């Protein structure tokens, strides 16, 4: 089976790698939009105009399911896109529910783009699962560009990670696939203070369910 993966830039490659490792018998076709990255500061209309043609291309290439490996697109446009693309779309969104279950301090941090943090979907997740939890949303607005352009500022990552840990966060949610490339750095800095979560494994679990359903 052909599995499509879409992301605004290099972030989705980590998702592709995880899918290929978990499901080596399937073909993964990856499409990104590096020339227009980052998406996190664009309008919803602009993002929609960029994304729809790429998803149609993946569908036309024979993909039977597409993973939207972009939290910004998933949290803002997934419902609309599901009406426009007639194959299953698997979304990626910040892991608020698992983080709330895991926290012992009652404080979590969500690292995500401005567009994800302002989305109705993300705020619904907070309202539903994190009513009794303090949610820190540090400014990561330049992280996607930093990672995409390979100009990673270790001091900036260290400062922000230590800040959220010092504020009591014992769970750090990576709500952008670009940040997966610095996951190990964040884990090392947050060692003994916080657990780091990102959604590749849950997405693969959902992907397996969809594939099984399509094969039935």
Protein backbone atom coordinates (compact mmCIF):
# COMPACT_ATOMS: atom_id res chain seq x y z
CA UNK A 1 0.00 0.00 0.00
CA UNK A 2 1.11 3.55 -0.68
CA UNK A 3 1.08 5.81 2.39
CA UNK A 4 1.32 9.55 1.86
CA UNK A 5 3.01 11.83 4.38
CA UNK A 6 2.79 15.60 4.21
CA UNK A 7 4.53 18.29 6.23
CA UNK A 8 5.49 21.90 5.65
CA UNK A 9 9.20 21.03 5.77
CA UNK A 10 11.84 18.66 7.10
CA UNK A 11 9.88 17.82 10.24
CA UNK A 12 7.83 15.19 8.47
CA UNK A 13 10.92 13.19 7.55
CA UNK A 14 11.15 11.99 11.15
CA UNK A 15 7.57 10.73 10.82
CA UNK A 16 8.44 9.04 7.52
CA UNK A 17 11.42 7.32 9.19
CA UNK A 18 9.20 6.08 12.03
CA UNK A 19 6.54 4.76 9.63
CA UNK A 20 9.11 3.00 7.43
CA UNK A 21 10.60 1.33 10.49
CA UNK A 22 7.19 0.20 11.82
CA UNK A 23 5.63 -0.71 8.45
CA UNK A 24 8.47 -1.69 6.09
CA UNK A 25 6.12 -3.65 3.82
CA UNK A 26 4.38 -0.44 2.69
CA UNK A 27 5.63 2.33 0.39
CA UNK A 28 5.82 5.83 1.86
CA UNK A 29 5.57 8.87 -0.41
CA UNK A 30 6.64 12.10 1.26
CA UNK A 31 5.74 15.58 0.08
CA UNK A 32 6.82 18.77 1.83
CA UNK A 33 6.52 22.47 1.14
CA UNK A 34 9.97 23.72 2.13
CA UNK A 35 9.77 26.81 -0.06
CA UNK A 36 6.85 28.12 2.01
CA UNK A 37 7.94 26.98 5.47
CA UNK A 38 7.24 27.96 8.22
CA UNK A 39 3.43 27.64 8.25
CA UNK A 40 3.03 28.68 11.89
CA UNK A 41 2.80 32.41 11.15
CA UNK A 42 0.66 32.22 7.97
CA UNK A 43 -3.09 32.81 7.72
CA UNK A 44 -5.40 29.80 7.65
CA UNK A 45 -6.53 30.65 4.11
CA UNK A 46 -2.94 30.83 2.86
CA UNK A 47 -2.10 27.50 4.48
CA UNK A 48 -5.19 25.88 2.94
CA UNK A 49 -4.24 27.11 -0.54
CA UNK A 50 -0.74 25.65 -0.12
CA UNK A 51 -1.78 22.31 1.33
CA UNK A 52 -4.76 21.21 -0.77
CA UNK A 53 -2.88 20.81 -4.10
CA UNK A 54 -0.15 18.77 -2.38
CA UNK A 55 -2.69 16.40 -0.80
CA UNK A 56 -4.40 16.02 -4.18
CA UNK A 57 -1.01 15.14 -5.68
CA UNK A 58 -0.48 12.41 -3.07
CA UNK A 59 -3.96 11.06 -3.77
CA UNK A 60 -3.31 11.08 -7.52
CA UNK A 61 -0.06 9.18 -6.94
CA UNK A 62 -2.11 6.31 -5.52
CA UNK A 63 -1.82 6.91 -1.79
CA UNK A 64 -4.68 5.22 0.07
CA UNK A 65 -4.09 7.10 3.33
CA UNK A 66 -2.26 10.34 4.13
CA UNK A 67 -0.60 11.32 7.40
CA UNK A 68 -0.74 15.08 7.96
CA UNK A 69 2.58 15.37 9.79
CA UNK A 70 1.97 19.02 10.62
CA UNK A 71 0.28 20.13 13.84
CA UNK A 72 -0.47 23.57 12.37
CA UNK A 73 -2.45 22.07 9.46
CA UNK A 74 -4.07 19.36 11.60
CA UNK A 75 -5.32 21.67 14.34
CA UNK A 76 -6.65 24.30 11.95
CA UNK A 77 -7.79 22.55 8.78
CA UNK A 78 -8.27 18.80 9.25
CA UNK A 79 -12.10 18.86 9.22
CA UNK A 80 -12.22 20.93 6.04
CA UNK A 81 -9.54 18.85 4.33
CA UNK A 82 -11.36 15.61 5.15
CA UNK A 83 -14.35 16.93 3.20
CA UNK A 84 -12.13 17.77 0.21
CA UNK A 85 -9.90 14.66 0.06
CA UNK A 86 -11.74 11.35 -0.34
CA UNK A 87 -9.15 9.12 1.33
CA UNK A 88 -8.43 8.81 5.08
CA UNK A 89 -6.37 11.62 6.60
CA UNK A 90 -4.54 11.00 9.89
CA UNK A 91 -3.91 14.15 11.91
CA UNK A 92 -1.10 15.03 14.31
CA UNK A 93 -1.91 17.29 17.23
CA UNK A 94 -0.33 18.23 20.57
CA UNK A 95 -0.54 15.39 23.10
CA UNK A 96 -2.43 17.32 25.78
CA UNK A 97 -4.47 14.37 27.08
CA UNK A 98 -1.47 12.01 27.62
CA UNK A 99 0.53 14.87 29.17
CA UNK A 100 -2.22 15.64 31.68
CA UNK A 101 -2.45 11.95 32.62
CA UNK A 102 1.32 11.79 33.10
CA UNK A 103 2.00 14.99 35.07
CA UNK A 104 2.57 14.75 38.80
CA UNK A 105 3.18 18.46 39.35
CA UNK A 106 -0.01 19.55 37.59
CA UNK A 107 2.03 21.62 35.14
CA UNK A 108 2.84 20.79 31.51
CA UNK A 109 4.53 22.71 28.70
CA UNK A 110 3.36 22.68 25.08
CA UNK A 111 5.93 23.71 22.50
CA UNK A 112 4.11 24.56 19.27
CA UNK A 113 3.72 27.17 16.55
CA UNK A 114 1.66 30.33 17.15
CA UNK A 115 -0.97 29.09 14.67
CA UNK A 116 -1.34 25.77 16.50
CA UNK A 117 -1.60 27.46 19.90
CA UNK A 118 -4.33 29.81 18.62
CA UNK A 119 -6.35 27.05 16.91
CA UNK A 120 -9.85 26.06 18.06
CA UNK A 121 -8.85 22.40 18.14
CA UNK A 122 -5.89 22.94 20.46
CA UNK A 123 -7.90 25.15 22.78
CA UNK A 124 -10.68 22.56 22.83
CA UNK A 125 -8.10 19.95 23.91
CA UNK A 126 -6.99 22.24 26.73
CA UNK A 127 -10.56 22.98 27.85
CA UNK A 128 -11.54 19.32 27.81
CA UNK A 129 -8.45 17.68 29.29
CA UNK A 130 -6.45 20.37 31.08
CA UNK A 131 -8.99 22.32 33.12
CA UNK A 132 -7.15 21.51 36.33
CA UNK A 133 -3.68 21.64 34.78
CA UNK A 134 -1.36 24.60 34.31
CA UNK A 135 -0.29 24.75 30.66
CA UNK A 136 2.87 26.70 29.80
CA UNK A 137 3.16 27.76 26.16
CA UNK A 138 6.71 29.07 25.63
CA UNK A 139 7.61 31.17 22.60
CA UNK A 140 8.91 28.69 20.01
CA UNK A 141 7.89 30.87 17.06
CA UNK A 142 11.34 30.78 15.43
CA UNK A 143 12.14 27.12 16.10
CA UNK A 144 10.73 25.75 12.83
CA UNK A 145 12.81 28.15 10.77
CA UNK A 146 15.86 27.46 12.95
CA UNK A 147 15.55 23.72 12.33
CA UNK A 148 14.56 24.03 8.66
CA UNK A 149 17.57 26.26 7.93
CA UNK A 150 19.91 24.12 10.06
CA UNK A 151 20.83 27.10 12.25
CA UNK A 152 20.04 25.41 15.55
CA UNK A 153 20.80 27.59 18.57
CA UNK A 154 21.58 25.20 21.42
CA UNK A 155 21.61 28.01 23.98
CA UNK A 156 18.11 29.08 22.98
CA UNK A 157 16.83 25.50 23.31
CA UNK A 158 18.56 25.09 26.67
CA UNK A 159 17.22 28.39 28.02
CA UNK A 160 13.62 27.64 27.05
CA UNK A 161 13.73 24.03 28.29
CA UNK A 162 15.20 25.05 31.64
CA UNK A 163 12.62 27.83 31.92
CA UNK A 164 9.61 25.49 31.63
CA UNK A 165 11.22 22.99 34.00
CA UNK A 166 11.85 25.76 36.52
CA UNK A 167 8.18 26.73 36.20
CA UNK A 168 7.26 23.23 37.37
CA UNK A 169 6.53 21.47 34.08
CA UNK A 170 7.28 17.77 34.38
CA UNK A 171 5.95 16.95 30.90
CA UNK A 172 7.03 18.75 27.72
CA UNK A 173 4.84 18.24 24.65
CA UNK A 174 6.44 18.69 21.23
CA UNK A 175 3.55 20.06 19.17
CA UNK A 176 5.44 20.51 15.89
CA UNK A 177 7.19 17.77 13.91
CA UNK A 178 10.15 20.07 13.23
CA UNK A 179 10.91 19.86 16.95
CA UNK A 180 11.34 16.08 16.72
CA UNK A 181 14.82 16.78 15.31
CA UNK A 182 15.84 18.37 18.63
CA UNK A 183 13.93 15.91 20.81
CA UNK A 184 17.10 14.27 22.14
CA UNK A 185 18.59 17.69 22.99
CA UNK A 186 15.47 18.62 24.94
CA UNK A 187 15.40 15.24 26.71
CA UNK A 188 19.01 15.65 27.78
CA UNK A 189 18.43 19.17 29.12
CA UNK A 190 15.19 18.14 30.86
CA UNK A 191 16.68 14.93 32.25
CA UNK A 192 15.48 14.26 35.83
CA UNK A 193 12.96 17.10 35.50
CA UNK A 194 10.51 16.37 32.66
CA UNK A 195 9.28 13.69 30.27
CA UNK A 196 9.17 14.66 26.59
CA UNK A 197 6.20 13.56 24.46
CA UNK A 198 5.70 13.56 20.70
CA UNK A 199 2.98 11.73 18.69
CA UNK A 200 4.80 9.43 16.25
CA UNK A 201 3.88 6.19 18.05
CA UNK A 202 0.17 7.05 18.48
CA UNK A 203 0.01 8.10 14.83
CA UNK A 204 1.55 4.79 13.73
CA UNK A 205 -0.98 2.94 15.91
CA UNK A 206 -3.83 4.82 14.21
CA UNK A 207 -2.24 4.26 10.78
CA UNK A 208 -2.18 0.50 11.40
CA UNK A 209 -5.91 0.59 12.27
CA UNK A 210 -6.73 2.49 9.09
CA UNK A 211 -4.65 0.12 6.94
CA UNK A 212 -6.36 -2.90 8.52
CA UNK A 213 -9.74 -1.34 7.80
CA UNK A 214 -8.85 -0.65 4.17
CA UNK A 215 -7.59 -4.21 3.71
CA UNK A 216 -10.69 -5.80 5.25
